[in-house]
Each structure stands twice: as C-alpha cells, then as structure tokens.
PDB file of N, CA and C in Angstrom:
ATOM      1  N   MET A   1       0.860  -1.178   0.000  1.00  0.00           N
ATOM      2  CA  MET A   1       0.000   0.000   0.000  1.00  0.00           C
ATOM      3  C   MET A   1       0.904   1.239   0.000  1.00  0.00           C
ATOM      4  N   ASN A   2       0.625   2.170  -0.901  1.00  0.00           N
ATOM      5  CA  ASN A   2       1.485   3.345  -0.969  1.00  0.00           C
ATOM      6  C   ASN A   2       0.953   4.483  -0.102  1.00  0.00           C
ATOM      7  N   SER A   3       1.759   5.520   0.006  1.00  0.00           N
ATOM      8  CA  SER A   3       1.432   6.618   0.925  1.00  0.00           C
ATOM      9  C   SER A   3       0.148   7.344   0.537  1.00  0.00           C
ATOM     10  N   VAL A   4      -0.145   7.454  -0.737  1.00  0.00           N
ATOM     11  CA  VAL A   4      -1.373   8.131  -1.162  1.00  0.00           C
ATOM     12  C   VAL A   4      -2.598   7.340  -0.729  1.00  0.00           C
ATOM     13  N   ASN A   5      -2.547   6.027  -0.873  1.00  0.00           N
ATOM     14  CA  ASN A   5      -3.672   5.198  -0.441  1.00  0.00           C
ATOM     15  C   ASN A   5      -3.874   5.264   1.070  1.00  0.00           C
ATOM     16  N   ILE A   6      -2.770   5.263   1.805  1.00  0.00           N
ATOM     17  CA  ILE A   6      -2.858   5.354   3.268  1.00  0.00           C
ATOM     18  C   ILE A   6      -3.439   6.704   3.670  1.00  0.00           C
ATOM     19  N   ALA A   7      -2.967   7.777   3.025  1.00  0.00           N
ATOM     20  CA  ALA A   7      -3.475   9.115   3.332  1.00  0.00           C
ATOM     21  C   ALA A   7      -4.951   9.237   2.961  1.00  0.00           C
ATOM     22  N   ALA A   8      -5.352   8.663   1.841  1.00  0.00           N
ATOM     23  CA  ALA A   8      -6.759   8.709   1.424  1.00  0.00           C
ATOM     24  C   ALA A   8      -7.638   7.981   2.443  1.00  0.00           C
ATOM     25  N   ALA A   9      -7.169   6.854   2.925  1.00  0.00           N
ATOM     26  CA  ALA A   9      -7.918   6.128   3.956  1.00  0.00           C
ATOM     27  C   ALA A   9      -8.007   6.964   5.236  1.00  0.00           C
ATOM     28  N   GLY A  10      -6.934   7.650   5.580  1.00  0.00           N
ATOM     29  CA  GLY A  10      -6.945   8.523   6.750  1.00  0.00           C
ATOM     30  C   GLY A  10      -7.924   9.672   6.599  1.00  0.00           C
ATOM     31  N   ILE A  11      -7.988  10.230   5.399  1.00  0.00           N
ATOM     32  CA  ILE A  11      -8.938  11.320   5.129  1.00  0.00           C
ATOM     33  C   ILE A  11     -10.371  10.816   5.279  1.00  0.00           C
ATOM     34  N   GLN A  12     -10.656   9.666   4.707  1.00  0.00           N
ATOM     35  CA  GLN A  12     -12.005   9.100   4.805  1.00  0.00           C
ATOM     36  C   GLN A  12     -12.381   8.813   6.252  1.00  0.00           C
ATOM     37  N   SER A  13     -11.447   8.275   7.010  1.00  0.00           N
ATOM     38  CA  SER A  13     -11.702   7.970   8.417  1.00  0.00           C
ATOM     39  C   SER A  13     -11.972   9.241   9.222  1.00  0.00           C
ATOM     40  N   ALA A  14     -11.174  10.265   8.995  1.00  0.00           N
ATOM     41  CA  ALA A  14     -11.355  11.526   9.727  1.00  0.00           C
ATOM     42  C   ALA A  14     -12.677  12.194   9.360  1.00  0.00           C
ATOM     43  N   ILE A  15     -13.048  12.142   8.097  1.00  0.00           N
ATOM     44  CA  ILE A  15     -14.325  12.727   7.673  1.00  0.00           C
ATOM     45  C   ILE A  15     -15.486  11.977   8.314  1.00  0.00           C
ATOM     46  N   ALA A  16     -15.380  10.666   8.375  1.00  0.00           N
ATOM     47  CA  ALA A  16     -16.435   9.873   9.022  1.00  0.00           C
ATOM     48  C   ALA A  16     -16.553  10.221  10.503  1.00  0.00           C
ATOM     49  N   ARG A  17     -15.415  10.384  11.179  1.00  0.00           N
ATOM     50  CA  ARG A  17     -15.444  10.771  12.594  1.00  0.00           C
ATOM     51  C   ARG A  17     -16.047  12.162  12.766  1.00  0.00           C
ATOM     52  N   PHE A  18     -15.705  13.081  11.887  1.00  0.00           N
ATOM     53  CA  PHE A  18     -16.259  14.434  11.940  1.00  0.00           C
ATOM     54  C   PHE A  18     -17.772  14.386  11.769  1.00  0.00           C
ATOM     55  N   ASP A  19     -18.224  13.658  10.754  1.00  0.00           N
ATOM     56  CA  ASP A  19     -19.658  13.551  10.485  1.00  0.00           C
ATOM     57  C   ASP A  19     -20.407  12.924  11.661  1.00  0.00           C
ATOM     58  N   GLU A  20     -19.829  11.895  12.251  1.00  0.00           N
ATOM     59  CA  GLU A  20     -20.471  11.234  13.396  1.00  0.00           C
ATOM     60  C   GLU A  20     -20.566  12.191  14.585  1.00  0.00           C
ATOM     61  N   SER A  21     -19.523  12.963  14.807  1.00  0.00           N
ATOM     62  CA  SER A  21     -19.546  13.950  15.892  1.00  0.00           C
ATOM     63  C   SER A  21     -20.605  15.018  15.627  1.00  0.00           C
ATOM     64  N   ALA A  22     -20.690  15.477  14.397  1.00  0.00           N
ATOM     65  CA  ALA A  22     -21.699  16.485  14.042  1.00  0.00           C
ATOM     66  C   ALA A  22     -23.105  15.921  14.229  1.00  0.00           C
ATOM     67  N   ARG A  23     -23.296  14.648  13.872  1.00  0.00           N
ATOM     68  CA  ARG A  23     -24.601  14.011  14.048  1.00  0.00           C
ATOM     69  C   ARG A  23     -24.975  13.946  15.526  1.00  0.00           C
ATOM     70  N   ARG A  24     -24.009  13.554  16.359  1.00  0.00           N
ATOM     71  CA  ARG A  24     -24.280  13.491  17.794  1.00  0.00           C
ATOM     72  C   ARG A  24     -24.628  14.865  18.354  1.00  0.00           C
ATOM     73  N   THR A  25     -23.940  15.892  17.901  1.00  0.00           N
ATOM     74  CA  THR A  25     -24.220  17.247  18.371  1.00  0.00           C
ATOM     75  C   THR A  25     -25.598  17.701  17.909  1.00  0.00           C
ATOM     76  N   ALA A  26     -25.978  17.350  16.697  1.00  0.00           N
ATOM     77  CA  ALA A  26     -27.300  17.742  16.189  1.00  0.00           C
ATOM     78  C   ALA A  26     -28.417  17.054  16.975  1.00  0.00           C
ATOM     79  N   GLN A  27     -28.175  15.823  17.399  1.00  0.00           N
ATOM     80  CA  GLN A  27     -29.196  15.088  18.145  1.00  0.00           C
ATOM     81  C   GLN A  27     -29.338  15.587  19.574  1.00  0.00           C
ATOM     82  N   ALA A  28     -28.231  15.962  20.185  1.00  0.00           N
ATOM     83  CA  ALA A  28     -28.257  16.427  21.580  1.00  0.00           C
ATOM     84  C   ALA A  28     -27.267  17.587  21.705  1.00  0.00           C
ATOM     85  N   PRO A  29     -27.678  18.786  21.307  1.00  0.00           N
ATOM     86  CA  PRO A  29     -26.744  19.917  21.214  1.00  0.00           C
ATOM     87  C   PRO A  29     -26.004  20.262  22.498  1.00  0.00           C
ATOM     88  N   LEU A  30     -26.578  20.022  23.653  1.00  0.00           N
ATOM     89  CA  LEU A  30     -25.923  20.436  24.889  1.00  0.00           C
ATOM     90  C   LEU A  30     -25.203  19.306  25.612  1.00  0.00           C
ATOM     91  N   ASP A  31     -25.292  18.089  25.100  1.00  0.00           N
ATOM     92  CA  ASP A  31     -24.579  16.956  25.693  1.00  0.00           C
ATOM     93  C   ASP A  31     -23.152  16.919  25.148  1.00  0.00           C
ATOM     94  N   ASN A  32     -22.184  17.049  26.037  1.00  0.00           N
ATOM     95  CA  ASN A  32     -20.777  16.922  25.651  1.00  0.00           C
ATOM     96  C   ASN A  32     -20.373  17.851  24.500  1.00  0.00           C
ATOM     97  N   LEU A  33     -20.864  19.056  24.521  1.00  0.00           N
ATOM     98  CA  LEU A  33     -20.584  20.006  23.449  1.00  0.00           C
ATOM     99  C   LEU A  33     -19.078  20.247  23.298  1.00  0.00           C
ATOM    100  N   ALA A  34     -18.387  20.437  24.396  1.00  0.00           N
ATOM    101  CA  ALA A  34     -16.943  20.696  24.336  1.00  0.00           C
ATOM    102  C   ALA A  34     -16.197  19.492  23.768  1.00  0.00           C
ATOM    103  N   GLU A  35     -16.563  18.292  24.216  1.00  0.00           N
ATOM    104  CA  GLU A  35     -15.902  17.082  23.718  1.00  0.00           C
ATOM    105  C   GLU A  35     -16.121  16.908  22.221  1.00  0.00           C
ATOM    106  N   GLU A  36     -17.324  17.161  21.774  1.00  0.00           N
ATOM    107  CA  GLU A  36     -17.616  17.008  20.347  1.00  0.00           C
ATOM    108  C   GLU A  36     -16.872  18.055  19.517  1.00  0.00           C
ATOM    109  N   HIS A  37     -16.739  19.254  20.060  1.00  0.00           N
ATOM    110  CA  HIS A  37     -15.996  20.294  19.344  1.00  0.00           C
ATOM    111  C   HIS A  37     -14.529  19.884  19.203  1.00  0.00           C
ATOM    112  N   VAL A  38     -13.962  19.367  20.271  1.00  0.00           N
ATOM    113  CA  VAL A  38     -12.578  18.894  20.222  1.00  0.00           C
ATOM    114  C   VAL A  38     -12.447  17.740  19.233  1.00  0.00           C
ATOM    115  N   GLU A  39     -13.405  16.846  19.235  1.00  0.00           N
ATOM    116  CA  GLU A  39     -13.391  15.718  18.290  1.00  0.00           C
ATOM    117  C   GLU A  39     -13.358  16.218  16.844  1.00  0.00           C
ATOM    118  N   ARG A  40     -14.170  17.228  16.555  1.00  0.00           N
ATOM    119  CA  ARG A  40     -14.200  17.774  15.194  1.00  0.00           C
ATOM    120  C   ARG A  40     -12.900  18.506  14.857  1.00  0.00           C
ATOM    121  N   LEU A  41     -12.317  19.188  15.821  1.00  0.00           N
ATOM    122  CA  LEU A  41     -11.028  19.858  15.577  1.00  0.00           C
ATOM    123  C   LEU A  41      -9.934  18.831  15.273  1.00  0.00           C
ATOM    124  N   ILE A  42      -9.923  17.739  16.021  1.00  0.00           N
ATOM    125  CA  ILE A  42      -8.937  16.685  15.784  1.00  0.00           C
ATOM    126  C   ILE A  42      -9.134  16.077  14.396  1.00  0.00           C
ATOM    127  N   ALA A  43     -10.388  15.802  14.045  1.00  0.00           N
ATOM    128  CA  ALA A  43     -10.679  15.235  12.721  1.00  0.00           C
ATOM    129  C   ALA A  43     -10.217  16.187  11.624  1.00  0.00           C
ATOM    130  N   ARG A  44     -10.448  17.473  11.830  1.00  0.00           N
ATOM    131  CA  ARG A  44     -10.019  18.465  10.834  1.00  0.00           C
ATOM    132  C   ARG A  44      -8.508  18.438  10.662  1.00  0.00           C
ATOM    133  N   ARG A  45      -7.774  18.399  11.761  1.00  0.00           N
ATOM    134  CA  ARG A  45      -6.306  18.361  11.694  1.00  0.00           C
ATOM    135  C   ARG A  45      -5.817  17.074  11.029  1.00  0.00           C
ATOM    136  N   GLU A  46      -6.519  15.979  11.273  1.00  0.00           N
ATOM    137  CA  GLU A  46      -6.143  14.718  10.628  1.00  0.00           C
ATOM    138  C   GLU A  46      -6.326  14.809   9.112  1.00  0.00           C
ATOM    139  N   VAL A  47      -7.415  15.434   8.686  1.00  0.00           N
ATOM    140  CA  VAL A  47      -7.619  15.620   7.245  1.00  0.00           C
ATOM    141  C   VAL A  47      -6.496  16.478   6.680  1.00  0.00           C
ATOM    142  N   GLU A  48      -6.191  17.583   7.347  1.00  0.00           N
ATOM    143  CA  GLU A  48      -5.132  18.470   6.873  1.00  0.00           C
ATOM    144  C   GLU A  48      -3.786  17.756   6.789  1.00  0.00           C
ATOM    145  N   ALA A  49      -3.467  16.948   7.787  1.00  0.00           N
ATOM    146  CA  ALA A  49      -2.200  16.213   7.790  1.00  0.00           C
ATOM    147  C   ALA A  49      -2.137  15.218   6.638  1.00  0.00           C
ATOM    148  N   ASN A  50      -3.236  14.519   6.402  1.00  0.00           N
ATOM    149  CA  ASN A  50      -3.259  13.539   5.318  1.00  0.00           C
ATOM    150  C   ASN A  50      -3.226  14.213   3.947  1.00  0.00           C
ATOM    151  N   VAL A  51      -3.836  15.369   3.826  1.00  0.00           N
ATOM    152  CA  VAL A  51      -3.758  16.121   2.568  1.00  0.00           C
ATOM    153  C   VAL A  51      -2.312  16.544   2.315  1.00  0.00           C
ATOM    154  N   THR A  52      -1.607  16.917   3.360  1.00  0.00           N
ATOM    155  CA  THR A  52      -0.196  17.274   3.226  1.00  0.00           C
ATOM    156  C   THR A  52       0.618  16.086   2.719  1.00  0.00           C
ATOM    157  N   VAL A  53       0.308  14.902   3.199  1.00  0.00           N
ATOM    158  CA  VAL A  53       0.994  13.694   2.723  1.00  0.00           C
ATOM    159  C   VAL A  53       0.732  13.480   1.240  1.00  0.00           C
ATOM    160  N   VAL A  54      -0.515  13.650   0.814  1.00  0.00           N
ATOM    161  CA  VAL A  54      -0.858  13.478  -0.605  1.00  0.00           C
ATOM    162  C   VAL A  54      -0.107  14.502  -1.455  1.00  0.00           C
ATOM    163  N   LYS A  55      -0.072  15.753  -1.006  1.00  0.00           N
ATOM    164  CA  LYS A  55       0.644  16.793  -1.756  1.00  0.00           C
ATOM    165  C   LYS A  55       2.130  16.478  -1.858  1.00  0.00           C
ATOM    166  N   ALA A  56       2.725  16.024  -0.756  1.00  0.00           N
ATOM    167  CA  ALA A  56       4.148  15.686  -0.768  1.00  0.00           C
ATOM    168  C   ALA A  56       4.427  14.525  -1.722  1.00  0.00           C
ATOM    169  N   ALA A  57       3.572  13.525  -1.701  1.00  0.00           N
ATOM    170  CA  ALA A  57       3.744  12.381  -2.608  1.00  0.00           C
ATOM    171  C   ALA A  57       3.613  12.827  -4.055  1.00  0.00           C
ATOM    172  N   ASP A  58       2.677  13.731  -4.315  1.00  0.00           N
ATOM    173  CA  ASP A  58       2.491  14.252  -5.673  1.00  0.00           C
ATOM    174  C   ASP A  58       3.730  15.025  -6.132  1.00  0.00           C
ATOM    175  N   GLU A  59       4.265  15.848  -5.247  1.00  0.00           N
ATOM    176  CA  GLU A  59       5.470  16.611  -5.583  1.00  0.00           C
ATOM    177  C   GLU A  59       6.654  15.684  -5.835  1.00  0.00           C
ATOM    178  N   MET A  60       6.785  14.659  -5.005  1.00  0.00           N
ATOM    179  CA  MET A  60       7.887  13.707  -5.191  1.00  0.00           C
ATOM    180  C   MET A  60       7.745  12.970  -6.520  1.00  0.00           C
ATOM    181  N   MET A  61       6.533  12.585  -6.856  1.00  0.00           N
ATOM    182  CA  MET A  61       6.324  11.894  -8.137  1.00  0.00           C
ATOM    183  C   MET A  61       6.629  12.832  -9.295  1.00  0.00           C
ATOM    184  N   GLY A  62       6.220  14.101  -9.178  1.00  0.00           N
ATOM    185  CA  GLY A  62       6.513  15.078 -10.226  1.00  0.00           C
ATOM    186  C   GLY A  62       8.004  15.274 -10.389  1.00  0.00           C
ATOM    187  N   THR A  63       8.729  15.354  -9.283  1.00  0.00           N
ATOM    188  CA  THR A  63      10.181  15.501  -9.342  1.00  0.00           C
ATOM    189  C   THR A  63      10.816  14.282  -9.982  1.00  0.00           C
ATOM    190  N   LEU A  64      10.342  13.119  -9.619  1.00  0.00           N
ATOM    191  CA  LEU A  64      10.870  11.886 -10.205  1.00  0.00           C
ATOM    192  C   LEU A  64      10.639  11.856 -11.710  1.00  0.00           C
ATOM    193  N   LEU A  65       9.443  12.210 -12.135  1.00  0.00           N
ATOM    194  CA  LEU A  65       9.133  12.219 -13.563  1.00  0.00           C
ATOM    195  C   LEU A  65       9.960  13.267 -14.304  1.00  0.00           C
ATOM    196  N   ASP A  66      10.160  14.432 -13.691  1.00  0.00           N
ATOM    197  CA  ASP A  66      10.988  15.470 -14.317  1.00  0.00           C
ATOM    198  C   ASP A  66      12.429  14.995 -14.457  1.00  0.00           C
ATOM    199  N   THR A  67      12.902  14.274 -13.455  1.00  0.00           N
ATOM    200  CA  THR A  67      14.277  13.771 -13.482  1.00  0.00           C
ATOM    201  C   THR A  67      14.454  12.722 -14.575  1.00  0.00           C
ATOM    202  N   ARG A  68      13.448  11.887 -14.736  1.00  0.00           N
ATOM    203  CA  ARG A  68      13.510  10.806 -15.739  1.00  0.00           C
ATOM    204  C   ARG A  68      13.269  11.303 -17.143  1.00  0.00           C
ATOM    205  N   ALA A  69      12.690  12.486 -17.310  1.00  0.00           N
ATOM    206  CA  ALA A  69      12.354  12.988 -18.660  1.00  0.00           C
ATOM    207  C   ALA A  69      13.540  13.533 -19.396  1.00  0.00           C
TER     208      ALA A  69
END
C-alpha cells in the first residue's frame, strides 16, 4: 500500500469521525458540546495532515518524472 492510499484512507476515516460527531451534536446539542468540538477539531487536523501527505507524494512523483524525462 502506498502513501497516497494510506493518506486517502486517513482522510475518509477523519471525515467519518467528523460527520459522526456532528450528528451526535445535532441530536443532543448540549450533551458533551466541548468534547464534540474537540473531536471535530482533531478530525479536521487529521484531514489536513493527510492532505499534506498526498501533496508531498504528488510533488515527489513530479520531481521523479521530471528527473527521468
């Protein structure tokens, strides 16, 4: 499994966690509001980190292709 596939799986997992947290907040807005907010912040950072991995892999592949051309 390459880094892009791993990062894509991480993005999907973080989005699912974010959505689940948002659903819980919508169902009971005042139950664990702070915890759910933190959960969504963590999920957001996980998406950002995995997007950075995808960008880095893309840049490395571009550099490799430029070198081979």
